[in-house]
C-alpha atoms as a PDB file:
ATOM      1  CA  UNK A   1     -17.578 -23.893 -18.506  1.00  0.00           C
ATOM      2  CA  UNK A   2     -17.258 -20.563 -16.727  1.00  0.00           C
ATOM      3  CA  UNK A   3     -14.305 -20.103 -14.436  1.00  0.00           C
ATOM      4  CA  UNK A   4     -15.167 -19.452 -10.843  1.00  0.00           C
ATOM      5  CA  UNK A   5     -13.488 -16.616  -8.871  1.00  0.00           C
ATOM      6  CA  UNK A   6     -14.893 -17.852  -5.551  1.00  0.00           C
ATOM      7  CA  UNK A   7     -12.998 -19.013  -2.581  1.00  0.00           C
ATOM      8  CA  UNK A   8     -13.361 -22.744  -3.270  1.00  0.00           C
ATOM      9  CA  UNK A   9     -17.124 -23.124  -2.701  1.00  0.00           C
ATOM     10  CA  UNK A  10     -17.912 -22.992  -6.488  1.00  0.00           C
ATOM     11  CA  UNK A  11     -19.792 -19.691  -6.084  1.00  0.00           C
ATOM     12  CA  UNK A  12     -18.527 -16.647  -8.090  1.00  0.00           C
ATOM     13  CA  UNK A  13     -16.954 -13.956  -6.035  1.00  0.00           C
ATOM     14  CA  UNK A  14     -19.093 -10.722  -5.712  1.00  0.00           C
ATOM     15  CA  UNK A  15     -17.966  -7.589  -7.475  1.00  0.00           C
ATOM     16  CA  UNK A  16     -16.656  -6.095  -4.253  1.00  0.00           C
ATOM     17  CA  UNK A  17     -14.570  -9.192  -3.641  1.00  0.00           C
ATOM     18  CA  UNK A  18     -13.197  -9.129  -7.185  1.00  0.00           C
ATOM     19  CA  UNK A  19     -12.289  -5.447  -6.809  1.00  0.00           C
ATOM     20  CA  UNK A  20     -10.445  -6.271  -3.529  1.00  0.00           C
ATOM     21  CA  UNK A  21      -8.631  -9.131  -5.017  1.00  0.00           C
ATOM     22  CA  UNK A  22      -7.605  -7.540  -8.337  1.00  0.00           C
ATOM     23  CA  UNK A  23      -7.189  -3.883  -7.368  1.00  0.00           C
ATOM     24  CA  UNK A  24      -7.062  -3.218  -3.622  1.00  0.00           C
ATOM     25  CA  UNK A  25      -4.820  -6.097  -2.638  1.00  0.00           C
ATOM     26  CA  UNK A  26      -2.083  -5.431  -5.295  1.00  0.00           C
ATOM     27  CA  UNK A  27      -2.211  -1.725  -4.558  1.00  0.00           C
ATOM     28  CA  UNK A  28      -1.809  -2.363  -0.782  1.00  0.00           C
ATOM     29  CA  UNK A  29       1.127  -4.770  -1.393  1.00  0.00           C
ATOM     30  CA  UNK A  30       2.836  -2.140  -3.736  1.00  0.00           C
ATOM     31  CA  UNK A  31       2.489   0.568  -1.015  1.00  0.00           C
ATOM     32  CA  UNK A  32       3.686  -1.747   1.784  1.00  0.00           C
ATOM     33  CA  UNK A  33       6.678  -2.763  -0.324  1.00  0.00           C
ATOM     34  CA  UNK A  34       7.496   0.843  -1.172  1.00  0.00           C
ATOM     35  CA  UNK A  35       7.489   1.688   2.573  1.00  0.00           C
ATOM     36  CA  UNK A  36       9.702  -1.300   3.295  1.00  0.00           C
ATOM     37  CA  UNK A  37      12.108  -0.148   0.587  1.00  0.00           C
ATOM     38  CA  UNK A  38      12.256   3.301   2.309  1.00  0.00           C
ATOM     39  CA  UNK A  39      12.946   1.641   5.595  1.00  0.00           C
ATOM     40  CA  UNK A  40      15.757  -0.395   4.057  1.00  0.00           C
ATOM     41  CA  UNK A  41      17.267   2.744   2.467  1.00  0.00           C
ATOM     42  CA  UNK A  42      16.973   4.670   5.784  1.00  0.00           C
ATOM     43  CA  UNK A  43      18.624   1.802   7.630  1.00  0.00           C
ATOM     44  CA  UNK A  44      21.538   1.651   5.141  1.00  0.00           C
ATOM     45  CA  UNK A  45      22.030   5.434   5.421  1.00  0.00           C
ATOM     46  CA  UNK A  46      22.144   5.279   9.172  1.00  0.00           C
ATOM     47  CA  UNK A  47      24.588   2.384   9.047  1.00  0.00           C
ATOM     48  CA  UNK A  48      26.902   4.290   6.760  1.00  0.00           C
ATOM     49  CA  UNK A  49      26.654   7.313   9.007  1.00  0.00           C
ATOM     50  CA  UNK A  50      27.411   5.138  12.075  1.00  0.00           C
ATOM     51  CA  UNK A  51      30.677   4.011  10.396  1.00  0.00           C
ATOM     52  CA  UNK A  52      31.988   7.564  10.401  1.00  0.00           C
ATOM     53  CA  UNK A  53      34.214   8.990  13.145  1.00  0.00           C
ATOM     54  CA  UNK A  54      31.411  10.684  15.016  1.00  0.00           C
ATOM     55  CA  UNK A  55      32.263  13.303  17.651  1.00  0.00           C
ATOM     56  CA  UNK A  56      29.862  12.206  20.400  1.00  0.00           C
ATOM     57  CA  UNK A  57      29.559  14.331  23.384  1.00  0.00           C
ATOM     58  CA  UNK A  58      28.403  12.351  26.656  1.00  0.00           C
ATOM     59  CA  UNK A  59      27.323  15.482  28.464  1.00  0.00           C
ATOM     60  CA  UNK A  60      25.018  16.666  25.574  1.00  0.00           C
ATOM     61  CA  UNK A  61      21.645  17.845  26.974  1.00  0.00           C
ATOM     62  CA  UNK A  62      19.688  15.632  24.604  1.00  0.00           C
ATOM     63  CA  UNK A  63      20.745  12.603  26.583  1.00  0.00           C
ATOM     64  CA  UNK A  64      22.047  10.882  23.395  1.00  0.00           C
ATOM     65  CA  UNK A  65      25.591  12.343  22.985  1.00  0.00           C
ATOM     66  CA  UNK A  66      24.364  14.958  20.505  1.00  0.00           C
ATOM     67  CA  UNK A  67      22.559  12.641  17.980  1.00  0.00           C
ATOM     68  CA  UNK A  68      19.208  12.499  19.746  1.00  0.00           C
ATOM     69  CA  UNK A  69      17.557  14.319  16.803  1.00  0.00           C
ATOM     70  CA  UNK A  70      17.870  11.086  14.749  1.00  0.00           C
ATOM     71  CA  UNK A  71      15.216   9.576  17.065  1.00  0.00           C
ATOM     72  CA  UNK A  72      12.608  11.966  15.474  1.00  0.00           C
ATOM     73  CA  UNK A  73      12.873   9.896  12.193  1.00  0.00           C
ATOM     74  CA  UNK A  74      10.532   7.288  13.718  1.00  0.00           C
ATOM     75  CA  UNK A  75       7.599   9.711  13.498  1.00  0.00           C
ATOM     76  CA  UNK A  76       7.754   9.458   9.712  1.00  0.00           C
ATOM     77  CA  UNK A  77       6.426   5.918   9.949  1.00  0.00           C
ATOM     78  CA  UNK A  78       3.351   6.866  11.950  1.00  0.00           C
ATOM     79  CA  UNK A  79       1.249   6.705   8.734  1.00  0.00           C
ATOM     80  CA  UNK A  80       2.406   3.203   8.042  1.00  0.00           C
ATOM     81  CA  UNK A  81       1.733   2.228  11.583  1.00  0.00           C
ATOM     82  CA  UNK A  82      -1.892   3.366  11.159  1.00  0.00           C
ATOM     83  CA  UNK A  83      -2.257   1.420   7.907  1.00  0.00           C
ATOM     84  CA  UNK A  84      -0.851  -1.732   9.479  1.00  0.00           C
ATOM     85  CA  UNK A  85      -3.045  -1.291  12.496  1.00  0.00           C
ATOM     86  CA  UNK A  86      -6.100  -0.985  10.227  1.00  0.00           C
ATOM     87  CA  UNK A  87      -5.275  -4.388   8.688  1.00  0.00           C
ATOM     88  CA  UNK A  88      -4.978  -6.067  12.056  1.00  0.00           C
ATOM     89  CA  UNK A  89      -7.929  -4.253  13.445  1.00  0.00           C
ATOM     90  CA  UNK A  90     -10.087  -5.348  10.475  1.00  0.00           C
ATOM     91  CA  UNK A  91      -9.240  -8.959  11.030  1.00  0.00           C
ATOM     92  CA  UNK A  92     -10.093  -8.682  14.696  1.00  0.00           C
ATOM     93  CA  UNK A  93     -13.393  -6.852  13.811  1.00  0.00           C
ATOM     94  CA  UNK A  94     -14.385  -9.748  11.529  1.00  0.00           C
ATOM     95  CA  UNK A  95     -13.763 -12.214  14.347  1.00  0.00           C
ATOM     96  CA  UNK A  96     -15.775 -10.094  16.774  1.00  0.00           C
ATOM     97  CA  UNK A  97     -18.606  -9.781  14.288  1.00  0.00           C
ATOM     98  CA  UNK A  98     -18.677 -13.614  14.035  1.00  0.00           C
ATOM     99  CA  UNK A  99     -19.075 -13.855  17.858  1.00  0.00           C
ATOM    100  CA  UNK A 100     -15.580 -13.701  19.335  1.00  0.00           C
ATOM    101  CA  UNK A 101     -14.919 -11.699  22.437  1.00  0.00           C
ATOM    102  CA  UNK A 102     -12.694  -8.565  22.416  1.00  0.00           C
ATOM    103  CA  UNK A 103     -11.063  -9.579  25.654  1.00  0.00           C
ATOM    104  CA  UNK A 104      -9.436 -12.566  23.892  1.00  0.00           C
ATOM    105  CA  UNK A 105      -7.392 -10.091  21.689  1.00  0.00           C
ATOM    106  CA  UNK A 106      -5.880  -7.904  24.410  1.00  0.00           C
ATOM    107  CA  UNK A 107      -2.590  -9.524  24.250  1.00  0.00           C
ATOM    108  CA  UNK A 108      -2.497  -9.602  20.493  1.00  0.00           C
ATOM    109  CA  UNK A 109      -3.230  -5.863  20.388  1.00  0.00           C
ATOM    110  CA  UNK A 110      -0.638  -5.026  22.917  1.00  0.00           C
ATOM    111  CA  UNK A 111       2.000  -7.200  21.133  1.00  0.00           C
ATOM    112  CA  UNK A 112       1.215  -5.528  17.833  1.00  0.00           C
ATOM    113  CA  UNK A 113       1.629  -1.995  19.289  1.00  0.00           C
ATOM    114  CA  UNK A 114       4.937  -2.884  21.023  1.00  0.00           C
ATOM    115  CA  UNK A 115       6.161  -4.705  17.852  1.00  0.00           C
ATOM    116  CA  UNK A 116       5.502  -1.618  15.703  1.00  0.00           C
ATOM    117  CA  UNK A 117       7.366   0.517  18.044  1.00  0.00           C
ATOM    118  CA  UNK A 118      10.372  -1.766  18.156  1.00  0.00           C
ATOM    119  CA  UNK A 119      10.367  -2.527  14.508  1.00  0.00           C
ATOM    120  CA  UNK A 120      10.543   1.088  13.344  1.00  0.00           C
ATOM    121  CA  UNK A 121      13.196   1.987  15.905  1.00  0.00           C
ATOM    122  CA  UNK A 122      15.445  -0.989  15.106  1.00  0.00           C
ATOM    123  CA  UNK A 123      17.510   1.022  12.554  1.00  0.00           C
ATOM    124  CA  UNK A 124      18.728   3.254  15.491  1.00  0.00           C
ATOM    125  CA  UNK A 125      20.674   0.258  16.854  1.00  0.00           C
ATOM    126  CA  UNK A 126      23.420   0.822  14.384  1.00  0.00           C
ATOM    127  CA  UNK A 127      24.781   3.575  16.727  1.00  0.00           C
ATOM    128  CA  UNK A 128      24.910   1.239  19.699  1.00  0.00           C
ATOM    129  CA  UNK A 129      28.659   0.452  19.476  1.00  0.00           C
ATOM    130  CA  UNK A 130      29.813   4.100  19.079  1.00  0.00           C
ATOM    131  CA  UNK A 131      27.453   5.375  21.796  1.00  0.00           C
ATOM    132  CA  UNK A 132      28.647   2.605  24.142  1.00  0.00           C
ATOM    133  CA  UNK A 133      32.174   3.689  23.579  1.00  0.00           C
ATOM    134  CA  UNK A 134      31.203   7.342  24.218  1.00  0.00           C
ATOM    135  CA  UNK A 135      29.421   6.327  27.430  1.00  0.00           C
ATOM    136  CA  UNK A 136      32.378   4.357  28.651  1.00  0.00           C
ATOM    137  CA  UNK A 137      34.820   7.218  27.758  1.00  0.00           C
ATOM    138  CA  UNK A 138      32.533   9.737  29.456  1.00  0.00           C
ATOM    139  CA  UNK A 139      32.114   7.699  32.681  1.00  0.00           C
ATOM    140  CA  UNK A 140      35.803   7.197  33.042  1.00  0.00           C
ATOM    141  CA  UNK A 141      36.783  10.777  32.351  1.00  0.00           C
ATOM    142  CA  UNK A 142      33.950  12.526  34.130  1.00  0.00           C
ATOM    143  CA  UNK A 143      33.865   9.923  36.863  1.00  0.00           C
ATOM    144  CA  UNK A 144      37.584  10.442  37.534  1.00  0.00           C
ATOM    145  CA  UNK A 145      37.025  14.167  37.566  1.00  0.00           C
ATOM    146  CA  UNK A 146      34.236  13.746  40.143  1.00  0.00           C
ATOM    147  CA  UNK A 147      36.467  11.556  42.261  1.00  0.00           C
ATOM    148  CA  UNK A 148      39.260  14.157  42.265  1.00  0.00           C
ATOM    149  CA  UNK A 149      36.848  16.920  43.176  1.00  0.00           C
ATOM    150  CA  UNK A 150      35.249  14.893  45.847  1.00  0.00           C
ATOM    151  CA  UNK A 151      38.556  14.072  47.536  1.00  0.00           C
ATOM    152  CA  UNK A 152      39.655  17.669  47.413  1.00  0.00           C
ATOM    153  CA  UNK A 153      36.226  18.764  48.810  1.00  0.00           C
ATOM    154  CA  UNK A 154      36.375  16.360  51.728  1.00  0.00           C
ATOM    155  CA  UNK A 155      39.938  17.276  52.500  1.00  0.00           C
ATOM    156  CA  UNK A 156      39.079  20.949  52.611  1.00  0.00           C
ATOM    157  CA  UNK A 157      35.810  20.824  54.484  1.00  0.00           C
ATOM    158  CA  UNK A 158      36.042  17.698  56.599  1.00  0.00           C
ATOM    159  CA  UNK A 159      39.747  17.425  57.502  1.00  0.00           C
ATOM    160  CA  UNK A 160      40.544  21.000  58.236  1.00  0.00           C
ATOM    161  CA  UNK A 161      38.843  22.222  61.356  1.00  0.00           C
ATOM    162  CA  UNK A 162      39.609  25.836  60.685  1.00  0.00           C
ATOM    163  CA  UNK A 163      37.717  25.751  57.375  1.00  0.00           C
ATOM    164  CA  UNK A 164      34.837  23.857  58.930  1.00  0.00           C
ATOM    165  CA  UNK A 165      34.278  26.660  61.525  1.00  0.00           C
ATOM    166  CA  UNK A 166      34.076  29.341  58.733  1.00  0.00           C
ATOM    167  CA  UNK A 167      30.736  30.460  57.335  1.00  0.00           C
ATOM    168  CA  UNK A 168      29.609  28.382  54.303  1.00  0.00           C
ATOM    169  CA  UNK A 169      27.066  30.710  52.984  1.00  0.00           C
ATOM    170  CA  UNK A 170      29.572  32.896  51.013  1.00  0.00           C
ATOM    171  CA  UNK A 171      31.731  29.992  49.725  1.00  0.00           C
ATOM    172  CA  UNK A 172      31.221  28.825  46.078  1.00  0.00           C
ATOM    173  CA  UNK A 173      32.520  25.276  46.725  1.00  0.00           C
ATOM    174  CA  UNK A 174      29.100  23.728  47.327  1.00  0.00           C
ATOM    175  CA  UNK A 175      27.504  25.268  44.281  1.00  0.00           C
ATOM    176  CA  UNK A 176      30.436  24.092  42.164  1.00  0.00           C
ATOM    177  CA  UNK A 177      29.980  20.555  43.565  1.00  0.00           C
ATOM    178  CA  UNK A 178      26.364  20.654  42.689  1.00  0.00           C
ATOM    179  CA  UNK A 179      27.040  21.764  39.139  1.00  0.00           C
ATOM    180  CA  UNK A 180      29.837  19.258  38.568  1.00  0.00           C
ATOM    181  CA  UNK A 181      27.857  16.317  39.825  1.00  0.00           C
ATOM    182  CA  UNK A 182      24.911  17.295  37.726  1.00  0.00           C
ATOM    183  CA  UNK A 183      27.091  17.106  34.657  1.00  0.00           C
ATOM    184  CA  UNK A 184      28.460  13.693  35.753  1.00  0.00           C
ATOM    185  CA  UNK A 185      24.916  12.406  36.395  1.00  0.00           C
ATOM    186  CA  UNK A 186      24.060  13.383  32.839  1.00  0.00           C
ATOM    187  CA  UNK A 187      26.985  11.294  31.536  1.00  0.00           C
ATOM    188  CA  UNK A 188      25.887   8.237  33.447  1.00  0.00           C
ATOM    189  CA  UNK A 189      22.240   8.636  32.325  1.00  0.00           C
ATOM    190  CA  UNK A 190      23.153   8.839  28.632  1.00  0.00           C
ATOM    191  CA  UNK A 191      21.044   6.726  26.337  1.00  0.00           C
ATOM    192  CA  UNK A 192      22.888   4.038  24.393  1.00  0.00           C
ATOM    193  CA  UNK A 193      20.459   4.256  21.487  1.00  0.00           C
ATOM    194  CA  UNK A 194      19.130   7.672  20.117  1.00  0.00           C
ATOM    195  CA  UNK A 195      15.416   6.828  20.743  1.00  0.00           C
ATOM    196  CA  UNK A 196      13.171   9.839  21.252  1.00  0.00           C
ATOM    197  CA  UNK A 197      10.415   9.446  23.798  1.00  0.00           C
ATOM    198  CA  UNK A 198       7.840  11.560  21.810  1.00  0.00           C
ATOM    199  CA  UNK A 199       8.485   9.497  18.725  1.00  0.00           C
ATOM    200  CA  UNK A 200       7.862   6.308  20.561  1.00  0.00           C
ATOM    201  CA  UNK A 201       4.641   7.662  22.067  1.00  0.00           C
ATOM    202  CA  UNK A 202       3.493   8.893  18.565  1.00  0.00           C
ATOM    203  CA  UNK A 203       4.190   5.467  17.057  1.00  0.00           C
ATOM    204  CA  UNK A 204       2.286   3.628  19.833  1.00  0.00           C
ATOM    205  CA  UNK A 205      -0.697   5.979  19.527  1.00  0.00           C
ATOM    206  CA  UNK A 206      -0.677   5.622  15.719  1.00  0.00           C
ATOM    207  CA  UNK A 207      -0.676   1.894  15.901  1.00  0.00           C
ATOM    208  CA  UNK A 208      -3.454   1.815  18.502  1.00  0.00           C
ATOM    209  CA  UNK A 209      -5.868   4.265  16.746  1.00  0.00           C
ATOM    210  CA  UNK A 210      -7.399   1.696  14.409  1.00  0.00           C
ATOM    211  CA  UNK A 211      -8.409  -0.480  17.380  1.00  0.00           C
ATOM    212  CA  UNK A 212     -10.597   2.137  18.912  1.00  0.00           C
ATOM    213  CA  UNK A 213     -13.551   1.663  16.502  1.00  0.00           C
ATOM    214  CA  UNK A 214     -13.149  -2.159  17.099  1.00  0.00           C
ATOM    215  CA  UNK A 215     -13.508  -1.597  20.798  1.00  0.00           C
ATOM    216  CA  UNK A 216     -16.548   0.667  20.272  1.00  0.00           C
ATOM    217  CA  UNK A 217     -18.090  -2.012  17.991  1.00  0.00           C
ATOM    218  CA  UNK A 218     -17.709  -4.633  20.689  1.00  0.00           C
ATOM    219  CA  UNK A 219     -19.566  -2.571  23.285  1.00  0.00           C
ATOM    220  CA  UNK A 220     -23.371  -2.486  23.351  1.00  0.00           C
ATOM    221  CA  UNK A 221     -24.920   0.778  21.976  1.00  0.00           C
ATOM    222  CA  UNK A 222     -26.732   1.500  25.204  1.00  0.00           C
ATOM    223  CA  UNK A 223     -23.573   1.201  27.171  1.00  0.00           C
ATOM    224  CA  UNK A 224     -21.717   3.737  24.819  1.00  0.00           C
ATOM    225  CA  UNK A 225     -24.688   6.099  25.264  1.00  0.00           C
ATOM    226  CA  UNK A 226     -24.608   5.859  28.973  1.00  0.00           C
ATOM    227  CA  UNK A 227     -20.904   6.511  29.069  1.00  0.00           C
ATOM    228  CA  UNK A 228     -21.253   9.570  26.880  1.00  0.00           C
ATOM    229  CA  UNK A 229     -24.142  10.883  28.922  1.00  0.00           C
ATOM    230  CA  UNK A 230     -22.116  10.430  32.129  1.00  0.00           C
ATOM    231  CA  UNK A 231     -19.300  12.512  30.615  1.00  0.00           C
ATOM    232  CA  UNK A 232     -21.525  15.207  29.354  1.00  0.00           C
ATOM    233  CA  UNK A 233     -23.858  15.615  32.346  1.00  0.00           C
END
């Protein structure tokens, strides 16, 4: 008796299905596992780096104590985000082709995009403890400096009537106060995880791109033509 390669109905699987089962699926699994291995290696490397005595600077202009450049690493996984999005979008496209409505998958698509962004930024959490210590140290030191400056400023300009009657246009005290408090504000606004905003946006866009053809497939062709005509004319 001939062995069946079907799905359980007794019918032989077509050549395209056999190719997908014997070639495409193993190749896809190998690629996904290789990317997962890279992510594990990257996570271990970041963990080992986070165990070092890092010299974090709370007032650094990158807003992440000087290690904000690490957040750019998430951009390297944009290709994988597109591939995973294509798998999910393909499954949704099959359901829509069978008669399902695209509106019933809005939350699934949103959850997938958010999950991709969170998953590939999780390795950055290994720096949370050191950055939290740097933030606490910065708020105590620079906050105390701001308190001392504020007390001296008020004592000079609010308690001494002779100083208050002088012209304030040529005195550098106010510009010094502005500069100091801008530095202190930067300390209080420091990120506790070195996440980069552009990398987050890039990952979200990469994960969402495969769903655009699915949305176009769900729309009637005349509606798409009318939309395009309205944009061009």
